[in-house]
Amino acid sequence: MDAFNWLKSRLAIIKAQPSPPPTRSLFMHLDHIGIAVADLEATNELMKRLLGRAHYKIEDIQEQGVSTSFFTAGETGEAKVELVGGIRAGNAIDKFISKRGQGLHHLAFKVDDIEAELERLEAAGFEILAGYPSVGADNMRVAFLHPRSTAGVLVEICQPIEAGKV
């Protein structure tokens, strides 16, 4: 059998298989893009020049050994850029930068129900990093999906913390 007919037969088998039922994603929208930086102060200045506005918040996350800086992106301000830099030796951002250099660190998606979404994602075969959900920056509960299960990109799932709840 030549390559064309072999491929044609394989495609016929694939087409004959029923499609799995669609799964309902609880993703609401892209919340922010996280960028790993070696010098938060210098990168804040760079982003200020790029976006034409200053950051609206700087926040230290002591348990992770990082400091974050948030900028609004776009006209509505719903999407954000988060700069993440290390503030303590041995933090994950410094390790990331030593392996990959500065740049895209993660994509974050905001959800209404983080536990339900993590359950759905785990059932769909995604690897959830241990120890999550936890309290993250910008008044959010956060969890991360391992990059080996998401085409090499760290994915953050986040849900706003309601007043009085963690």
C-alpha atoms as a PDB file:
ATOM      1  CA  MET A   1       0.000   0.000   0.000  1.00  0.00           C
ATOM      2  CA  ASP A   2       1.441   3.389  -0.929  1.00  0.00           C
ATOM      3  CA  ALA A   3       1.644   6.269   1.569  1.00  0.00           C
ATOM      4  CA  PHE A   4      -1.383   8.093   0.138  1.00  0.00           C
ATOM      5  CA  ASN A   5      -3.723   5.101   0.456  1.00  0.00           C
ATOM      6  CA  TRP A   6      -2.350   4.257   3.908  1.00  0.00           C
ATOM      7  CA  LEU A   7      -3.054   7.820   5.091  1.00  0.00           C
ATOM      8  CA  LYS A   8      -6.505   7.727   3.484  1.00  0.00           C
ATOM      9  CA  SER A   9      -7.344   4.488   5.346  1.00  0.00           C
ATOM     10  CA  ARG A  10      -6.124   5.951   8.670  1.00  0.00           C
ATOM     11  CA  LEU A  11      -8.265   9.065   8.184  1.00  0.00           C
ATOM     12  CA  ALA A  12     -11.312   6.888   7.466  1.00  0.00           C
ATOM     13  CA  ILE A  13     -10.781   5.064  10.787  1.00  0.00           C
ATOM     14  CA  ILE A  14     -10.449   8.350  12.667  1.00  0.00           C
ATOM     15  CA  LYS A  15     -13.592   9.800  11.043  1.00  0.00           C
ATOM     16  CA  ALA A  16     -15.559   6.662  11.954  1.00  0.00           C
ATOM     17  CA  GLN A  17     -14.822   7.039  15.665  1.00  0.00           C
ATOM     18  CA  PRO A  18     -17.446   8.983  17.622  1.00  0.00           C
ATOM     19  CA  SER A  19     -16.380  12.347  18.988  1.00  0.00           C
ATOM     20  CA  PRO A  20     -16.267  12.643  22.769  1.00  0.00           C
ATOM     21  CA  PRO A  21     -19.040  14.759  24.257  1.00  0.00           C
ATOM     22  CA  PRO A  22     -18.045  18.381  24.713  1.00  0.00           C
ATOM     23  CA  THR A  23     -16.915  19.262  28.211  1.00  0.00           C
ATOM     24  CA  ARG A  24     -18.047  22.492  29.751  1.00  0.00           C
ATOM     25  CA  SER A  25     -15.114  24.701  30.580  1.00  0.00           C
ATOM     26  CA  LEU A  26     -15.473  27.015  33.509  1.00  0.00           C
ATOM     27  CA  PHE A  27     -12.903  29.419  32.041  1.00  0.00           C
ATOM     28  CA  MET A  28     -14.294  32.925  32.025  1.00  0.00           C
ATOM     29  CA  HIS A  29     -11.482  34.764  30.282  1.00  0.00           C
ATOM     30  CA  LEU A  30      -7.794  35.458  30.149  1.00  0.00           C
ATOM     31  CA  ASP A  31      -7.035  37.361  33.346  1.00  0.00           C
ATOM     32  CA  HIS A  32      -3.366  38.136  32.891  1.00  0.00           C
ATOM     33  CA  ILE A  33      -0.087  37.246  31.287  1.00  0.00           C
ATOM     34  CA  GLY A  34       2.780  36.677  33.726  1.00  0.00           C
ATOM     35  CA  ILE A  35       6.289  37.735  32.746  1.00  0.00           C
ATOM     36  CA  ALA A  36       9.351  36.596  34.708  1.00  0.00           C
ATOM     37  CA  VAL A  37      11.818  39.458  35.224  1.00  0.00           C
ATOM     38  CA  ALA A  38      15.240  39.734  36.813  1.00  0.00           C
ATOM     39  CA  ASP A  39      14.872  43.419  37.764  1.00  0.00           C
ATOM     40  CA  LEU A  40      11.325  44.387  38.696  1.00  0.00           C
ATOM     41  CA  GLU A  41      12.063  48.095  39.106  1.00  0.00           C
ATOM     42  CA  ALA A  42      13.743  48.434  35.694  1.00  0.00           C
ATOM     43  CA  THR A  43      11.031  46.402  33.980  1.00  0.00           C
ATOM     44  CA  ASN A  44       8.328  48.535  35.647  1.00  0.00           C
ATOM     45  CA  GLU A  45       9.901  51.552  33.965  1.00  0.00           C
ATOM     46  CA  LEU A  46      10.087  49.748  30.619  1.00  0.00           C
ATOM     47  CA  MET A  47       6.411  48.720  30.800  1.00  0.00           C
ATOM     48  CA  LYS A  48       5.418  52.244  31.838  1.00  0.00           C
ATOM     49  CA  ARG A  49       7.056  53.601  28.677  1.00  0.00           C
ATOM     50  CA  LEU A  50       5.548  50.810  26.560  1.00  0.00           C
ATOM     51  CA  LEU A  51       1.958  51.027  27.863  1.00  0.00           C
ATOM     52  CA  GLY A  52       1.888  54.741  28.625  1.00  0.00           C
ATOM     53  CA  ARG A  53       0.769  54.212  32.222  1.00  0.00           C
ATOM     54  CA  ALA A  54       2.275  53.172  35.538  1.00  0.00           C
ATOM     55  CA  HIS A  55       1.609  49.916  37.364  1.00  0.00           C
ATOM     56  CA  TYR A  56      -1.449  49.996  39.595  1.00  0.00           C
ATOM     57  CA  LYS A  57      -0.133  47.656  42.269  1.00  0.00           C
ATOM     58  CA  ILE A  58       3.031  46.075  43.638  1.00  0.00           C
ATOM     59  CA  GLU A  59       2.599  43.122  45.964  1.00  0.00           C
ATOM     60  CA  ASP A  60       5.039  40.775  47.708  1.00  0.00           C
ATOM     61  CA  ILE A  61       4.041  37.119  48.012  1.00  0.00           C
ATOM     62  CA  GLN A  62       6.306  36.114  50.883  1.00  0.00           C
ATOM     63  CA  GLU A  63       5.475  32.390  50.855  1.00  0.00           C
ATOM     64  CA  GLN A  64       6.625  32.185  47.210  1.00  0.00           C
ATOM     65  CA  GLY A  65       9.545  34.587  47.614  1.00  0.00           C
ATOM     66  CA  VAL A  66       8.386  36.858  44.784  1.00  0.00           C
ATOM     67  CA  SER A  67       7.201  40.393  44.181  1.00  0.00           C
ATOM     68  CA  THR A  68       4.569  41.182  41.560  1.00  0.00           C
ATOM     69  CA  SER A  69       3.676  44.335  39.703  1.00  0.00           C
ATOM     70  CA  PHE A  70       0.416  44.706  37.768  1.00  0.00           C
ATOM     71  CA  PHE A  71      -0.376  46.830  34.721  1.00  0.00           C
ATOM     72  CA  THR A  72      -3.731  47.114  32.993  1.00  0.00           C
ATOM     73  CA  ALA A  73      -3.708  46.222  29.313  1.00  0.00           C
ATOM     74  CA  GLY A  74      -6.236  47.336  26.749  1.00  0.00           C
ATOM     75  CA  GLU A  75      -8.934  49.959  26.889  1.00  0.00           C
ATOM     76  CA  THR A  76     -11.245  48.188  29.338  1.00  0.00           C
ATOM     77  CA  GLY A  77      -8.491  47.282  31.801  1.00  0.00           C
ATOM     78  CA  GLU A  78      -9.864  43.764  32.196  1.00  0.00           C
ATOM     79  CA  ALA A  79      -6.701  42.098  30.901  1.00  0.00           C
ATOM     80  CA  LYS A  80      -3.521  42.589  32.885  1.00  0.00           C
ATOM     81  CA  VAL A  81       0.216  42.113  32.607  1.00  0.00           C
ATOM     82  CA  GLU A  82       1.884  40.781  35.758  1.00  0.00           C
ATOM     83  CA  LEU A  83       5.619  41.218  36.174  1.00  0.00           C
ATOM     84  CA  VAL A  84       7.080  38.690  38.618  1.00  0.00           C
ATOM     85  CA  GLY A  85      10.524  39.003  40.189  1.00  0.00           C
ATOM     86  CA  GLY A  86      12.316  37.198  42.984  1.00  0.00           C
ATOM     87  CA  ILE A  87      12.822  38.741  46.429  1.00  0.00           C
ATOM     88  CA  ARG A  88      14.347  35.765  48.244  1.00  0.00           C
ATOM     89  CA  ALA A  89      17.059  33.293  47.251  1.00  0.00           C
ATOM     90  CA  GLY A  90      15.855  30.010  45.798  1.00  0.00           C
ATOM     91  CA  ASN A  91      12.497  31.294  44.542  1.00  0.00           C
ATOM     92  CA  ALA A  92      10.791  29.745  41.513  1.00  0.00           C
ATOM     93  CA  ILE A  93      11.148  32.857  39.332  1.00  0.00           C
ATOM     94  CA  ASP A  94      14.936  32.997  39.702  1.00  0.00           C
ATOM     95  CA  LYS A  95      15.090  29.270  38.878  1.00  0.00           C
ATOM     96  CA  PHE A  96      12.885  29.855  35.833  1.00  0.00           C
ATOM     97  CA  ILE A  97      15.057  32.756  34.614  1.00  0.00           C
ATOM     98  CA  SER A  98      18.274  30.756  35.094  1.00  0.00           C
ATOM     99  CA  LYS A  99      16.857  27.986  32.853  1.00  0.00           C
ATOM    100  CA  ARG A 100      14.860  29.956  30.274  1.00  0.00           C
ATOM    101  CA  GLY A 101      15.758  33.602  30.668  1.00  0.00           C
ATOM    102  CA  GLN A 102      13.348  36.464  31.222  1.00  0.00           C
ATOM    103  CA  GLY A 103      10.033  36.371  29.396  1.00  0.00           C
ATOM    104  CA  LEU A 104       6.661  34.680  29.317  1.00  0.00           C
ATOM    105  CA  HIS A 105       6.154  32.791  32.560  1.00  0.00           C
ATOM    106  CA  HIS A 106       2.453  31.925  32.593  1.00  0.00           C
ATOM    107  CA  LEU A 107      -1.032  32.521  31.221  1.00  0.00           C
ATOM    108  CA  ALA A 108      -3.731  33.016  33.857  1.00  0.00           C
ATOM    109  CA  PHE A 109      -7.411  32.266  33.373  1.00  0.00           C
ATOM    110  CA  LYS A 110     -10.026  33.556  35.807  1.00  0.00           C
ATOM    111  CA  VAL A 111     -12.808  31.142  36.825  1.00  0.00           C
ATOM    112  CA  ASP A 112     -15.907  31.307  38.999  1.00  0.00           C
ATOM    113  CA  ASP A 113     -15.232  28.032  40.839  1.00  0.00           C
ATOM    114  CA  ILE A 114     -11.585  27.010  41.092  1.00  0.00           C
ATOM    115  CA  GLU A 115     -12.271  23.637  42.729  1.00  0.00           C
ATOM    116  CA  ALA A 116     -14.740  22.581  40.018  1.00  0.00           C
ATOM    117  CA  GLU A 117     -12.389  23.729  37.274  1.00  0.00           C
ATOM    118  CA  LEU A 118      -9.417  21.880  38.775  1.00  0.00           C
ATOM    119  CA  GLU A 119     -11.533  18.742  39.036  1.00  0.00           C
ATOM    120  CA  ARG A 120     -12.531  19.072  35.371  1.00  0.00           C
ATOM    121  CA  LEU A 121      -8.962  19.724  34.257  1.00  0.00           C
ATOM    122  CA  GLU A 122      -7.551  16.792  36.236  1.00  0.00           C
ATOM    123  CA  ALA A 123     -10.204  14.487  34.743  1.00  0.00           C
ATOM    124  CA  ALA A 124      -9.188  15.774  31.305  1.00  0.00           C
ATOM    125  CA  GLY A 125      -5.603  14.658  31.952  1.00  0.00           C
ATOM    126  CA  PHE A 126      -3.916  17.899  33.011  1.00  0.00           C
ATOM    127  CA  GLU A 127      -1.337  17.746  35.796  1.00  0.00           C
ATOM    128  CA  ILE A 128      -2.082  20.106  38.681  1.00  0.00           C
ATOM    129  CA  LEU A 129       0.949  21.202  40.669  1.00  0.00           C
ATOM    130  CA  ALA A 130       0.857  20.095  44.316  1.00  0.00           C
ATOM    131  CA  GLY A 131      -0.067  22.477  47.110  1.00  0.00           C
ATOM    132  CA  TYR A 132      -2.777  24.341  45.246  1.00  0.00           C
ATOM    133  CA  PRO A 133      -5.084  26.169  45.344  1.00  0.00           C
ATOM    134  CA  SER A 134      -3.355  28.748  47.508  1.00  0.00           C
ATOM    135  CA  VAL A 135      -3.521  32.489  48.057  1.00  0.00           C
ATOM    136  CA  GLY A 136      -1.768  34.410  45.282  1.00  0.00           C
ATOM    137  CA  ALA A 137      -1.348  37.997  44.213  1.00  0.00           C
ATOM    138  CA  ASP A 138      -4.107  40.468  43.330  1.00  0.00           C
ATOM    139  CA  ASN A 139      -6.585  39.012  45.852  1.00  0.00           C
ATOM    140  CA  MET A 140      -6.829  35.664  44.055  1.00  0.00           C
ATOM    141  CA  ARG A 141      -6.855  31.990  44.912  1.00  0.00           C
ATOM    142  CA  VAL A 142      -4.514  30.317  42.437  1.00  0.00           C
ATOM    143  CA  ALA A 143      -3.497  26.907  41.132  1.00  0.00           C
ATOM    144  CA  PHE A 144      -1.064  25.935  38.396  1.00  0.00           C
ATOM    145  CA  LEU A 145      -1.034  23.297  35.686  1.00  0.00           C
ATOM    146  CA  HIS A 146       2.338  21.710  34.976  1.00  0.00           C
ATOM    147  CA  PRO A 147       3.816  22.866  31.654  1.00  0.00           C
ATOM    148  CA  ARG A 148       4.456  19.265  30.532  1.00  0.00           C
ATOM    149  CA  SER A 149       0.675  18.844  30.305  1.00  0.00           C
ATOM    150  CA  THR A 150       0.029  22.213  28.607  1.00  0.00           C
ATOM    151  CA  ALA A 151       2.397  22.308  25.622  1.00  0.00           C
ATOM    152  CA  GLY A 152       5.247  23.814  27.635  1.00  0.00           C
ATOM    153  CA  VAL A 153       3.354  26.817  29.050  1.00  0.00           C
ATOM    154  CA  LEU A 154       2.670  27.203  32.763  1.00  0.00           C
ATOM    155  CA  VAL A 155      -1.077  27.844  33.165  1.00  0.00           C
ATOM    156  CA  GLU A 156      -2.525  29.541  36.218  1.00  0.00           C
ATOM    157  CA  ILE A 157      -6.157  29.121  37.196  1.00  0.00           C
ATOM    158  CA  CYS A 158      -7.354  31.952  39.436  1.00  0.00           C
ATOM    159  CA  GLN A 159     -10.504  32.910  41.286  1.00  0.00           C
ATOM    160  CA  PRO A 160     -11.097  36.182  43.127  1.00  0.00           C
ATOM    161  CA  ILE A 161     -11.209  35.806  46.905  1.00  0.00           C
ATOM    162  CA  GLU A 162     -14.587  36.858  48.236  1.00  0.00           C
ATOM    163  CA  ALA A 163     -14.600  39.177  51.234  1.00  0.00           C
ATOM    164  CA  GLY A 164     -14.020  37.160  54.398  1.00  0.00           C
ATOM    165  CA  LYS A 165     -13.231  33.894  52.541  1.00  0.00           C
ATOM    166  CA  VAL A 166      -9.920  32.275  51.619  1.00  0.00           C
END
